């Protein structure tokens, strides 16, 4: 009976620590950064190309536009990712966009919400890409769980950006083809022979 009291006391203390941390840390923020050997406009084009998303976002499956115009402020999409064999859906809303420089989004799901922004800054033909994330749990249990997951979430973002660096630097697709110049046939009208 004495051990049962100690066990019960230990469970209560652990529960207080777990839920207390969630109340004291209702959101977690983290940043990640890479430098790629490509100009900002190409890096942005590679990142924005939907066919490249599975190559750098772990578990990415597909995006379905719900409302608005794709890749514009206010566009809402359902994003599907796979985690441990299970497909999850989150709602993405684009909140800010300046091509080749900055994009901000919110992701909403039952368990948590996330504010995410990615910034591009070119210098001497190289581009610094940095991301900032703030994640908030929806409910006391999820707030508490997320407060212990900051390291894992940052590690995942570091991995995604590392994958993005590889995809950008290995890119061979020409996103900015030169317009074709139309050639016109010129008829020389000066060399007309007149019959007498």
N, C-alpha and C. Protein backbone atom coordinates (compact mmCIF):
# COMPACT_ATOMS: atom_id res chain seq x y z
N UNK A 1 0.83 -1.21 0.00
CA UNK A 1 0.00 0.00 0.00
C UNK A 1 0.86 1.26 0.00
N UNK A 2 2.00 1.17 0.70
CA UNK A 2 2.91 2.32 0.76
C UNK A 2 3.45 2.67 -0.63
N UNK A 3 3.79 1.62 -1.44
CA UNK A 3 4.32 1.86 -2.79
C UNK A 3 3.26 2.44 -3.70
N UNK A 4 2.03 2.03 -3.51
CA UNK A 4 0.93 2.54 -4.31
C UNK A 4 0.76 4.05 -4.09
N UNK A 5 0.93 4.49 -2.83
CA UNK A 5 0.84 5.93 -2.53
C UNK A 5 1.95 6.68 -3.23
N UNK A 6 3.18 6.12 -3.21
CA UNK A 6 4.31 6.78 -3.88
C UNK A 6 4.08 6.84 -5.39
N UNK A 7 3.55 5.76 -5.93
CA UNK A 7 3.29 5.71 -7.36
C UNK A 7 2.23 6.74 -7.74
N UNK A 8 1.16 6.82 -6.96
CA UNK A 8 0.10 7.79 -7.21
C UNK A 8 0.65 9.22 -7.11
N UNK A 9 1.47 9.46 -6.10
CA UNK A 9 2.09 10.78 -5.92
C UNK A 9 2.98 11.13 -7.12
N UNK A 10 3.76 10.16 -7.59
CA UNK A 10 4.63 10.37 -8.75
C UNK A 10 3.82 10.69 -10.00
N UNK A 11 2.72 9.98 -10.22
CA UNK A 11 1.85 10.22 -11.38
C UNK A 11 1.26 11.63 -11.32
N UNK A 12 0.83 12.05 -10.13
CA UNK A 12 0.26 13.40 -9.97
C UNK A 12 1.32 14.47 -10.26
N UNK A 13 2.53 14.26 -9.74
CA UNK A 13 3.62 15.23 -9.97
C UNK A 13 3.95 15.32 -11.46
N UNK A 14 4.06 14.16 -12.13
CA UNK A 14 4.36 14.16 -13.57
C UNK A 14 3.24 14.83 -14.37
N UNK A 15 1.99 14.58 -13.98
CA UNK A 15 0.86 15.22 -14.67
C UNK A 15 0.90 16.73 -14.47
N UNK A 16 1.22 17.17 -13.26
CA UNK A 16 1.32 18.62 -13.00
C UNK A 16 2.44 19.25 -13.82
N UNK A 17 3.57 18.56 -13.92
CA UNK A 17 4.69 19.08 -14.73
C UNK A 17 4.27 19.15 -16.20
N UNK A 18 3.65 18.06 -16.69
CA UNK A 18 3.25 17.99 -18.10
C UNK A 18 2.26 19.10 -18.45
N UNK A 19 1.17 19.19 -17.68
CA UNK A 19 0.14 20.20 -18.00
C UNK A 19 0.60 21.60 -17.62
N UNK A 20 1.43 21.71 -16.59
CA UNK A 20 1.96 23.02 -16.20
C UNK A 20 2.83 23.62 -17.29
N UNK A 21 3.64 22.77 -17.91
CA UNK A 21 4.50 23.27 -19.00
C UNK A 21 3.66 23.76 -20.16
N UNK A 22 2.56 23.07 -20.45
CA UNK A 22 1.66 23.50 -21.52
C UNK A 22 1.02 24.84 -21.23
N UNK A 23 0.68 25.09 -19.94
CA UNK A 23 0.06 26.37 -19.58
C UNK A 23 1.10 27.50 -19.60
N UNK A 24 2.33 27.18 -19.22
CA UNK A 24 3.39 28.20 -19.20
C UNK A 24 3.97 28.44 -20.59
N UNK A 25 3.87 27.45 -21.47
CA UNK A 25 4.42 27.58 -22.83
C UNK A 25 3.31 27.24 -23.82
N UNK A 26 2.36 28.16 -24.06
CA UNK A 26 1.23 27.84 -24.94
C UNK A 26 1.61 27.72 -26.41
N UNK A 27 2.80 28.23 -26.78
CA UNK A 27 3.26 28.10 -28.17
C UNK A 27 4.77 27.95 -28.18
N UNK A 28 5.28 27.35 -29.25
CA UNK A 28 6.74 27.22 -29.41
C UNK A 28 7.13 27.82 -30.75
N UNK A 29 8.28 28.48 -30.79
CA UNK A 29 8.79 29.10 -32.01
C UNK A 29 10.19 28.58 -32.29
N UNK A 30 10.50 28.46 -33.57
CA UNK A 30 11.84 28.00 -33.97
C UNK A 30 12.13 28.52 -35.38
N UNK A 31 13.41 28.59 -35.71
CA UNK A 31 13.84 29.10 -37.01
C UNK A 31 14.83 28.13 -37.64
N UNK A 32 14.93 28.21 -38.96
CA UNK A 32 15.87 27.38 -39.69
C UNK A 32 16.39 28.20 -40.87
N UNK A 33 17.57 27.83 -41.38
CA UNK A 33 18.20 28.64 -42.42
C UNK A 33 19.14 27.81 -43.29
N UNK A 34 19.15 28.13 -44.59
CA UNK A 34 20.09 27.51 -45.54
C UNK A 34 20.59 28.59 -46.49
N UNK A 35 21.68 28.30 -47.19
CA UNK A 35 22.17 29.16 -48.26
C UNK A 35 22.32 28.29 -49.49
N UNK A 36 21.75 28.74 -50.61
CA UNK A 36 21.83 27.96 -51.86
C UNK A 36 22.63 28.74 -52.90
N UNK A 37 23.33 28.01 -53.76
CA UNK A 37 24.15 28.61 -54.81
C UNK A 37 23.33 28.85 -56.07
N UNK A 38 22.23 29.55 -55.90
CA UNK A 38 21.34 29.90 -57.03
C UNK A 38 20.75 31.27 -56.73
N UNK A 39 20.38 32.02 -57.78
CA UNK A 39 19.73 33.31 -57.56
C UNK A 39 18.34 33.12 -56.96
N UNK A 40 17.82 34.17 -56.34
CA UNK A 40 16.54 34.09 -55.63
C UNK A 40 15.38 33.72 -56.53
N UNK A 41 15.35 34.25 -57.77
CA UNK A 41 14.20 33.96 -58.63
C UNK A 41 14.14 32.47 -59.00
N UNK A 42 15.30 31.84 -59.23
CA UNK A 42 15.30 30.40 -59.53
C UNK A 42 14.98 29.58 -58.29
N UNK A 43 15.56 29.97 -57.15
CA UNK A 43 15.29 29.24 -55.90
C UNK A 43 13.80 29.30 -55.58
N UNK A 44 13.19 30.46 -55.77
CA UNK A 44 11.76 30.63 -55.51
C UNK A 44 10.93 29.77 -56.46
N UNK A 45 11.31 29.78 -57.74
CA UNK A 45 10.58 29.00 -58.74
C UNK A 45 10.63 27.51 -58.42
N UNK A 46 11.79 27.02 -58.02
CA UNK A 46 11.93 25.60 -57.67
C UNK A 46 11.09 25.27 -56.45
N UNK A 47 11.14 26.13 -55.42
CA UNK A 47 10.36 25.91 -54.21
C UNK A 47 8.87 25.91 -54.51
N UNK A 48 8.42 26.81 -55.38
CA UNK A 48 6.99 26.97 -55.67
C UNK A 48 6.43 25.92 -56.62
N UNK A 49 7.30 25.22 -57.33
CA UNK A 49 6.88 24.20 -58.29
C UNK A 49 6.27 23.02 -57.53
N UNK A 50 4.96 22.83 -57.72
CA UNK A 50 4.25 21.78 -56.95
C UNK A 50 4.83 20.39 -57.18
N UNK A 51 5.41 20.15 -58.37
CA UNK A 51 5.99 18.83 -58.64
C UNK A 51 7.23 18.58 -57.78
N UNK A 52 7.82 19.63 -57.22
CA UNK A 52 9.00 19.48 -56.37
C UNK A 52 8.66 19.29 -54.89
N UNK A 53 7.43 19.60 -54.49
CA UNK A 53 7.08 19.56 -53.06
C UNK A 53 7.37 18.21 -52.39
N UNK A 54 7.05 17.05 -53.05
CA UNK A 54 7.36 15.78 -52.39
C UNK A 54 8.86 15.53 -52.23
N UNK A 55 9.68 16.25 -53.01
CA UNK A 55 11.13 16.05 -52.95
C UNK A 55 11.76 16.73 -51.74
N UNK A 56 11.06 17.72 -51.16
CA UNK A 56 11.69 18.40 -50.03
C UNK A 56 10.83 18.47 -48.76
N UNK A 57 9.52 18.28 -48.88
CA UNK A 57 8.67 18.26 -47.68
C UNK A 57 8.37 16.81 -47.34
N UNK A 58 8.92 16.33 -46.26
CA UNK A 58 8.77 14.93 -45.89
C UNK A 58 7.31 14.58 -45.66
N UNK A 59 6.85 13.53 -46.32
CA UNK A 59 5.48 13.05 -46.15
C UNK A 59 4.45 13.75 -47.01
N UNK A 60 4.86 14.77 -47.79
CA UNK A 60 3.89 15.53 -48.60
C UNK A 60 3.23 14.62 -49.63
N UNK A 61 1.90 14.74 -49.76
CA UNK A 61 1.14 13.94 -50.73
C UNK A 61 0.53 14.82 -51.83
N UNK A 62 -0.29 15.78 -51.44
CA UNK A 62 -0.95 16.60 -52.44
C UNK A 62 -1.56 17.84 -51.79
N UNK A 63 -1.92 18.80 -52.67
CA UNK A 63 -2.61 20.02 -52.24
C UNK A 63 -3.86 20.17 -53.08
N UNK A 64 -4.98 20.48 -52.42
CA UNK A 64 -6.24 20.71 -53.12
C UNK A 64 -6.72 22.11 -52.79
N UNK A 65 -6.87 22.95 -53.83
CA UNK A 65 -7.34 24.32 -53.64
C UNK A 65 -8.80 24.29 -53.20
N UNK A 66 -9.11 25.03 -52.13
CA UNK A 66 -10.47 25.08 -51.61
C UNK A 66 -11.16 26.37 -52.07
N UNK A 67 -10.44 27.50 -51.96
CA UNK A 67 -11.01 28.77 -52.41
C UNK A 67 -9.89 29.75 -52.75
N UNK A 68 -10.25 30.76 -53.57
CA UNK A 68 -9.27 31.75 -53.99
C UNK A 68 -8.48 31.26 -55.20
N UNK A 69 -7.45 32.02 -55.52
CA UNK A 69 -6.57 31.68 -56.64
C UNK A 69 -5.26 31.14 -56.08
N UNK A 70 -4.81 30.01 -56.60
CA UNK A 70 -3.59 29.37 -56.08
C UNK A 70 -2.43 30.35 -56.07
N UNK A 71 -1.62 30.25 -55.03
CA UNK A 71 -0.41 31.08 -54.87
C UNK A 71 -0.69 32.57 -54.85
N UNK A 72 -1.83 32.95 -54.25
CA UNK A 72 -2.12 34.36 -54.02
C UNK A 72 -2.59 34.53 -52.58
N UNK A 73 -2.48 35.76 -52.07
CA UNK A 73 -2.91 36.03 -50.69
C UNK A 73 -4.40 35.72 -50.56
N UNK A 74 -4.76 35.02 -49.51
CA UNK A 74 -6.15 34.64 -49.27
C UNK A 74 -6.52 33.26 -49.78
N UNK A 75 -5.66 32.65 -50.60
CA UNK A 75 -5.95 31.30 -51.11
C UNK A 75 -5.97 30.31 -49.96
N UNK A 76 -6.97 29.44 -49.96
CA UNK A 76 -7.11 28.40 -48.93
C UNK A 76 -7.03 27.04 -49.61
N UNK A 77 -6.18 26.18 -49.09
CA UNK A 77 -5.99 24.84 -49.67
C UNK A 77 -5.97 23.80 -48.56
N UNK A 78 -6.34 22.59 -48.91
CA UNK A 78 -6.16 21.45 -48.02
C UNK A 78 -4.85 20.77 -48.42
N UNK A 79 -3.95 20.62 -47.46
CA UNK A 79 -2.65 19.99 -47.72
C UNK A 79 -2.66 18.63 -47.03
N UNK A 80 -2.32 17.60 -47.79
CA UNK A 80 -2.32 16.23 -47.25
C UNK A 80 -0.89 15.74 -47.10
N UNK A 81 -0.57 15.24 -45.92
CA UNK A 81 0.75 14.67 -45.65
C UNK A 81 0.55 13.31 -44.98
N UNK A 82 1.58 12.48 -45.11
CA UNK A 82 1.53 11.15 -44.49
C UNK A 82 2.51 11.11 -43.33
N UNK A 83 2.04 10.65 -42.19
CA UNK A 83 2.89 10.55 -41.00
C UNK A 83 2.69 9.16 -40.39
N UNK A 84 3.75 8.37 -40.35
CA UNK A 84 3.68 7.01 -39.82
C UNK A 84 2.56 6.20 -40.46
N UNK A 85 2.44 6.30 -41.78
CA UNK A 85 1.45 5.51 -42.51
C UNK A 85 0.04 6.05 -42.49
N UNK A 86 -0.19 7.15 -41.78
CA UNK A 86 -1.53 7.73 -41.72
C UNK A 86 -1.56 9.06 -42.45
N UNK A 87 -2.58 9.26 -43.26
CA UNK A 87 -2.72 10.53 -43.99
C UNK A 87 -3.40 11.55 -43.10
N UNK A 88 -2.81 12.74 -43.04
CA UNK A 88 -3.39 13.84 -42.25
C UNK A 88 -3.65 15.01 -43.20
N UNK A 89 -4.66 15.80 -42.87
CA UNK A 89 -5.00 16.97 -43.67
C UNK A 89 -4.91 18.21 -42.80
N UNK A 90 -4.31 19.26 -43.35
CA UNK A 90 -4.32 20.55 -42.67
C UNK A 90 -4.75 21.62 -43.65
N UNK A 91 -5.40 22.64 -43.14
CA UNK A 91 -5.86 23.74 -43.98
C UNK A 91 -4.79 24.82 -44.02
N UNK A 92 -4.39 25.20 -45.23
CA UNK A 92 -3.36 26.22 -45.42
C UNK A 92 -4.01 27.49 -45.96
N UNK A 93 -3.70 28.63 -45.34
CA UNK A 93 -4.16 29.93 -45.83
C UNK A 93 -2.94 30.80 -46.07
N UNK A 94 -2.80 31.33 -47.29
CA UNK A 94 -1.68 32.23 -47.57
C UNK A 94 -2.04 33.61 -47.04
N UNK A 95 -1.20 34.15 -46.16
CA UNK A 95 -1.49 35.43 -45.51
C UNK A 95 -0.64 36.58 -46.03
N UNK A 96 0.48 36.29 -46.67
CA UNK A 96 1.35 37.33 -47.25
C UNK A 96 2.17 36.70 -48.36
N UNK A 97 2.45 37.50 -49.39
CA UNK A 97 3.22 36.96 -50.51
C UNK A 97 3.88 38.09 -51.28
N UNK A 98 5.20 37.99 -51.43
CA UNK A 98 5.97 38.87 -52.31
C UNK A 98 6.93 37.95 -53.05
N UNK A 99 6.61 37.60 -54.32
CA UNK A 99 7.42 36.62 -55.05
C UNK A 99 8.91 36.94 -55.00
N UNK A 100 9.70 35.87 -54.86
CA UNK A 100 11.16 35.91 -54.79
C UNK A 100 11.69 36.48 -53.47
N UNK A 101 10.79 36.83 -52.55
CA UNK A 101 11.24 37.42 -51.28
C UNK A 101 10.60 36.81 -50.04
N UNK A 102 9.27 36.64 -50.05
CA UNK A 102 8.61 36.33 -48.77
C UNK A 102 7.25 35.67 -49.00
N UNK A 103 6.95 34.67 -48.17
CA UNK A 103 5.62 34.07 -48.15
C UNK A 103 5.27 33.70 -46.72
N UNK A 104 4.04 34.00 -46.31
CA UNK A 104 3.57 33.63 -44.96
C UNK A 104 2.27 32.86 -45.09
N UNK A 105 2.11 31.85 -44.23
CA UNK A 105 0.94 30.99 -44.27
C UNK A 105 0.52 30.61 -42.85
N UNK A 106 -0.74 30.26 -42.70
CA UNK A 106 -1.19 29.62 -41.46
C UNK A 106 -1.66 28.22 -41.83
N UNK A 107 -1.36 27.27 -40.95
CA UNK A 107 -1.82 25.90 -41.10
C UNK A 107 -2.70 25.58 -39.90
N UNK A 108 -3.88 25.03 -40.17
CA UNK A 108 -4.83 24.72 -39.10
C UNK A 108 -5.22 23.25 -39.18
N UNK A 109 -5.17 22.60 -38.03
CA UNK A 109 -5.67 21.23 -37.92
C UNK A 109 -6.27 21.06 -36.53
N UNK A 110 -6.93 19.93 -36.29
CA UNK A 110 -7.59 19.74 -34.99
C UNK A 110 -6.62 19.87 -33.83
N UNK A 111 -5.44 19.29 -33.98
CA UNK A 111 -4.48 19.19 -32.89
C UNK A 111 -3.74 20.50 -32.62
N UNK A 112 -3.42 21.25 -33.70
CA UNK A 112 -2.60 22.44 -33.53
C UNK A 112 -2.79 23.41 -34.69
N UNK A 113 -2.30 24.64 -34.49
CA UNK A 113 -2.23 25.66 -35.53
C UNK A 113 -0.77 26.08 -35.66
N UNK A 114 -0.39 26.50 -36.87
CA UNK A 114 0.99 26.94 -37.08
C UNK A 114 1.02 28.18 -37.97
N UNK A 115 1.81 29.17 -37.56
CA UNK A 115 2.13 30.31 -38.41
C UNK A 115 3.51 30.03 -38.99
N UNK A 116 3.62 30.12 -40.32
CA UNK A 116 4.88 29.77 -40.99
C UNK A 116 5.23 30.86 -41.98
N UNK A 117 6.50 31.23 -42.00
CA UNK A 117 6.93 32.19 -43.01
C UNK A 117 8.29 31.80 -43.52
N UNK A 118 8.49 32.05 -44.82
CA UNK A 118 9.76 31.72 -45.46
C UNK A 118 10.25 32.96 -46.20
N UNK A 119 11.54 33.27 -46.03
CA UNK A 119 12.12 34.49 -46.60
C UNK A 119 13.32 34.16 -47.47
N UNK A 120 13.44 34.86 -48.59
CA UNK A 120 14.54 34.69 -49.54
C UNK A 120 15.30 36.01 -49.63
N UNK A 121 16.62 35.94 -49.51
CA UNK A 121 17.44 37.15 -49.65
C UNK A 121 18.67 36.81 -50.46
N UNK A 122 18.79 37.46 -51.64
CA UNK A 122 19.90 37.17 -52.54
C UNK A 122 21.09 38.07 -52.26
N UNK A 123 22.29 37.47 -52.37
CA UNK A 123 23.53 38.23 -52.20
C UNK A 123 24.62 37.56 -53.05
N UNK A 124 25.15 38.29 -54.05
CA UNK A 124 26.21 37.78 -54.93
C UNK A 124 25.85 36.46 -55.60
N UNK A 125 24.64 36.35 -56.10
CA UNK A 125 24.23 35.16 -56.83
C UNK A 125 23.83 33.98 -55.95
N UNK A 126 23.99 34.11 -54.63
CA UNK A 126 23.55 33.07 -53.70
C UNK A 126 22.30 33.57 -52.97
N UNK A 127 21.51 32.65 -52.46
CA UNK A 127 20.27 33.03 -51.79
C UNK A 127 20.21 32.43 -50.39
N UNK A 128 19.99 33.29 -49.42
CA UNK A 128 19.76 32.87 -48.05
C UNK A 128 18.25 32.62 -47.90
N UNK A 129 17.89 31.41 -47.49
CA UNK A 129 16.49 31.05 -47.29
C UNK A 129 16.30 30.75 -45.81
N UNK A 130 15.41 31.48 -45.16
CA UNK A 130 15.17 31.25 -43.73
C UNK A 130 13.68 31.06 -43.49
N UNK A 131 13.38 30.23 -42.51
CA UNK A 131 11.98 30.01 -42.15
C UNK A 131 11.78 30.29 -40.67
N UNK A 132 10.57 30.75 -40.35
CA UNK A 132 10.19 31.00 -38.97
C UNK A 132 8.85 30.31 -38.73
N UNK A 133 8.76 29.56 -37.66
CA UNK A 133 7.54 28.82 -37.35
C UNK A 133 7.12 29.08 -35.92
N UNK A 134 5.81 29.25 -35.72
CA UNK A 134 5.24 29.33 -34.37
C UNK A 134 4.07 28.36 -34.33
N UNK A 135 4.13 27.41 -33.41
CA UNK A 135 3.11 26.36 -33.32
C UNK A 135 2.38 26.46 -31.98
N UNK A 136 1.04 26.38 -32.06
CA UNK A 136 0.20 26.48 -30.87
C UNK A 136 -0.73 25.28 -30.81
N UNK A 137 -0.80 24.63 -29.66
CA UNK A 137 -1.71 23.50 -29.50
C UNK A 137 -3.14 23.98 -29.32
N UNK A 138 -4.09 23.16 -29.75
CA UNK A 138 -5.52 23.46 -29.57
C UNK A 138 -6.06 22.62 -28.43
N UNK A 139 -5.95 23.13 -27.24
CA UNK A 139 -6.37 22.39 -26.05
C UNK A 139 -5.20 22.17 -25.11
N UNK A 140 -5.48 21.94 -23.85
CA UNK A 140 -4.43 21.84 -22.83
C UNK A 140 -3.50 20.66 -23.09
N UNK A 141 -4.05 19.51 -23.53
CA UNK A 141 -3.19 18.35 -23.78
C UNK A 141 -2.23 18.62 -24.94
N UNK A 142 -2.77 19.15 -26.05
CA UNK A 142 -1.92 19.41 -27.21
C UNK A 142 -0.92 20.52 -26.93
N UNK A 143 -1.32 21.54 -26.16
CA UNK A 143 -0.37 22.60 -25.78
C UNK A 143 0.80 21.99 -25.00
N UNK A 144 0.48 21.10 -24.07
CA UNK A 144 1.51 20.47 -23.25
C UNK A 144 2.42 19.58 -24.09
N UNK A 145 1.82 18.80 -24.97
CA UNK A 145 2.60 17.90 -25.82
C UNK A 145 3.54 18.70 -26.73
N UNK A 146 3.02 19.76 -27.35
CA UNK A 146 3.83 20.57 -28.25
C UNK A 146 4.97 21.26 -27.51
N UNK A 147 4.74 21.63 -26.25
CA UNK A 147 5.81 22.29 -25.49
C UNK A 147 7.02 21.38 -25.32
N UNK A 148 6.82 20.06 -25.42
CA UNK A 148 7.93 19.11 -25.32
C UNK A 148 8.47 18.71 -26.69
N UNK A 149 7.83 19.17 -27.78
CA UNK A 149 8.20 18.72 -29.13
C UNK A 149 9.00 19.73 -29.93
N UNK A 150 9.38 20.84 -29.34
CA UNK A 150 10.07 21.90 -30.08
C UNK A 150 11.31 21.36 -30.81
N UNK A 151 12.13 20.60 -30.13
CA UNK A 151 13.35 20.06 -30.74
C UNK A 151 13.04 19.18 -31.93
N UNK A 152 12.02 18.34 -31.82
CA UNK A 152 11.64 17.45 -32.92
C UNK A 152 11.15 18.26 -34.11
N UNK A 153 10.31 19.28 -33.85
CA UNK A 153 9.76 20.08 -34.95
C UNK A 153 10.85 20.88 -35.65
N UNK A 154 11.79 21.43 -34.89
CA UNK A 154 12.90 22.17 -35.51
C UNK A 154 13.77 21.22 -36.33
N UNK A 155 14.02 20.05 -35.82
CA UNK A 155 14.81 19.06 -36.56
C UNK A 155 14.14 18.70 -37.88
N UNK A 156 12.80 18.59 -37.88
CA UNK A 156 12.06 18.28 -39.11
C UNK A 156 12.17 19.43 -40.11
N UNK A 157 12.06 20.67 -39.63
CA UNK A 157 12.18 21.82 -40.52
C UNK A 157 13.60 21.93 -41.09
N UNK A 158 14.61 21.67 -40.25
CA UNK A 158 16.00 21.67 -40.73
C UNK A 158 16.17 20.65 -41.86
N UNK A 159 15.56 19.48 -41.69
CA UNK A 159 15.66 18.42 -42.69
C UNK A 159 14.96 18.84 -43.99
N UNK A 160 13.75 19.44 -43.87
CA UNK A 160 13.03 19.89 -45.05
C UNK A 160 13.83 20.94 -45.82
N UNK A 161 14.41 21.92 -45.11
CA UNK A 161 15.18 22.96 -45.80
C UNK A 161 16.46 22.40 -46.39
N UNK A 162 17.06 21.42 -45.74
CA UNK A 162 18.23 20.77 -46.31
C UNK A 162 17.87 20.06 -47.62
N UNK A 163 16.69 19.41 -47.63
CA UNK A 163 16.19 18.78 -48.86
C UNK A 163 15.93 19.83 -49.93
N UNK A 164 15.36 20.98 -49.53
CA UNK A 164 15.08 22.06 -50.48
C UNK A 164 16.37 22.57 -51.10
N UNK A 165 17.41 22.72 -50.30
CA UNK A 165 18.72 23.16 -50.81
C UNK A 165 19.20 22.21 -51.91
N UNK A 166 19.10 20.91 -51.65
CA UNK A 166 19.55 19.91 -52.63
C UNK A 166 18.73 20.01 -53.91
N UNK A 167 17.40 20.13 -53.78
CA UNK A 167 16.52 20.20 -54.95
C UNK A 167 16.82 21.45 -55.78
N UNK A 168 17.04 22.57 -55.11
CA UNK A 168 17.34 23.82 -55.83
C UNK A 168 18.67 23.72 -56.54
N UNK A 169 19.69 23.25 -55.84
CA UNK A 169 21.03 23.22 -56.43
C UNK A 169 21.17 22.16 -57.52
N UNK A 170 20.33 21.13 -57.52
CA UNK A 170 20.35 20.11 -58.56
C UNK A 170 19.40 20.44 -59.71
N UNK A 171 18.69 21.56 -59.61
CA UNK A 171 17.70 21.92 -60.62
C UNK A 171 18.33 22.10 -62.01
N UNK A 172 17.69 21.50 -63.01
CA UNK A 172 18.12 21.69 -64.39
C UNK A 172 16.98 22.26 -65.25
N UNK A 173 15.80 22.41 -64.66
CA UNK A 173 14.65 22.93 -65.40
C UNK A 173 14.82 24.43 -65.63
N UNK A 174 14.53 24.89 -66.84
CA UNK A 174 14.62 26.31 -67.16
C UNK A 174 13.26 26.95 -66.87
N UNK A 175 13.17 27.68 -65.76
CA UNK A 175 11.92 28.34 -65.39
C UNK A 175 11.73 29.68 -66.10
N UNK A 176 12.76 30.14 -66.79
CA UNK A 176 12.70 31.45 -67.45
C UNK A 176 13.18 31.34 -68.89
N UNK A 177 12.45 30.61 -69.73
CA UNK A 177 12.90 30.44 -71.12
C UNK A 177 12.87 31.78 -71.86
N UNK A 178 13.85 31.94 -72.74
CA UNK A 178 13.91 33.14 -73.58
C UNK A 178 12.76 33.07 -74.58
N UNK A 179 12.08 34.20 -74.81
CA UNK A 179 11.01 34.17 -75.81
C UNK A 179 11.60 33.94 -77.21
N UNK A 180 10.90 33.14 -77.98
CA UNK A 180 11.39 32.87 -79.33
C UNK A 180 11.18 34.09 -80.21
N UNK A 181 12.18 34.42 -81.00
CA UNK A 181 12.10 35.56 -81.90
C UNK A 181 11.55 35.06 -83.23
N UNK A 182 10.48 35.70 -83.66
CA UNK A 182 9.88 35.30 -84.92
C UNK A 182 10.71 35.86 -86.07
N UNK A 183 10.98 35.01 -87.04
CA UNK A 183 11.73 35.49 -88.22
C UNK A 183 10.73 35.75 -89.33
N UNK A 184 10.96 36.82 -90.03
CA UNK A 184 10.08 37.17 -91.13
C UNK A 184 10.87 37.09 -92.44
N UNK A 185 10.22 36.66 -93.47
CA UNK A 185 10.85 36.60 -94.78
C UNK A 185 10.72 37.97 -95.43
N UNK A 186 11.86 38.52 -95.84
CA UNK A 186 11.87 39.83 -96.48
C UNK A 186 12.02 39.61 -97.98
N UNK A 187 11.14 40.18 -98.74
CA UNK A 187 11.21 40.04 -100.21
C UNK A 187 11.94 41.26 -100.76
N UNK A 188 12.94 40.98 -101.55
CA UNK A 188 13.71 42.06 -102.17
C UNK A 188 12.96 42.51 -103.41
N UNK A 189 12.39 43.70 -103.35
CA UNK A 189 11.60 44.21 -104.46
C UNK A 189 12.41 45.07 -105.42
N UNK A 190 13.66 45.27 -105.11
CA UNK A 190 14.49 46.09 -106.00
C UNK A 190 15.01 45.33 -107.20
N UNK A 191 15.08 44.02 -107.07
CA UNK A 191 15.63 43.24 -108.17
C UNK A 191 14.52 42.71 -109.06
N UNK A 192 13.72 43.59 -109.59
CA UNK A 192 12.64 43.20 -110.48
C UNK A 192 13.10 43.49 -111.91
N UNK A 193 13.08 42.49 -112.75
CA UNK A 193 13.51 42.70 -114.15
C UNK A 193 12.31 43.10 -114.97
N UNK A 194 12.51 44.10 -115.80
CA UNK A 194 11.43 44.58 -116.67
C UNK A 194 11.69 44.10 -118.08
N UNK A 195 10.70 43.57 -118.68
CA UNK A 195 10.84 43.15 -120.06
C UNK A 195 10.48 44.33 -120.96
N UNK A 196 11.33 44.53 -121.97
CA UNK A 196 11.06 45.63 -122.90
C UNK A 196 10.30 45.11 -124.10
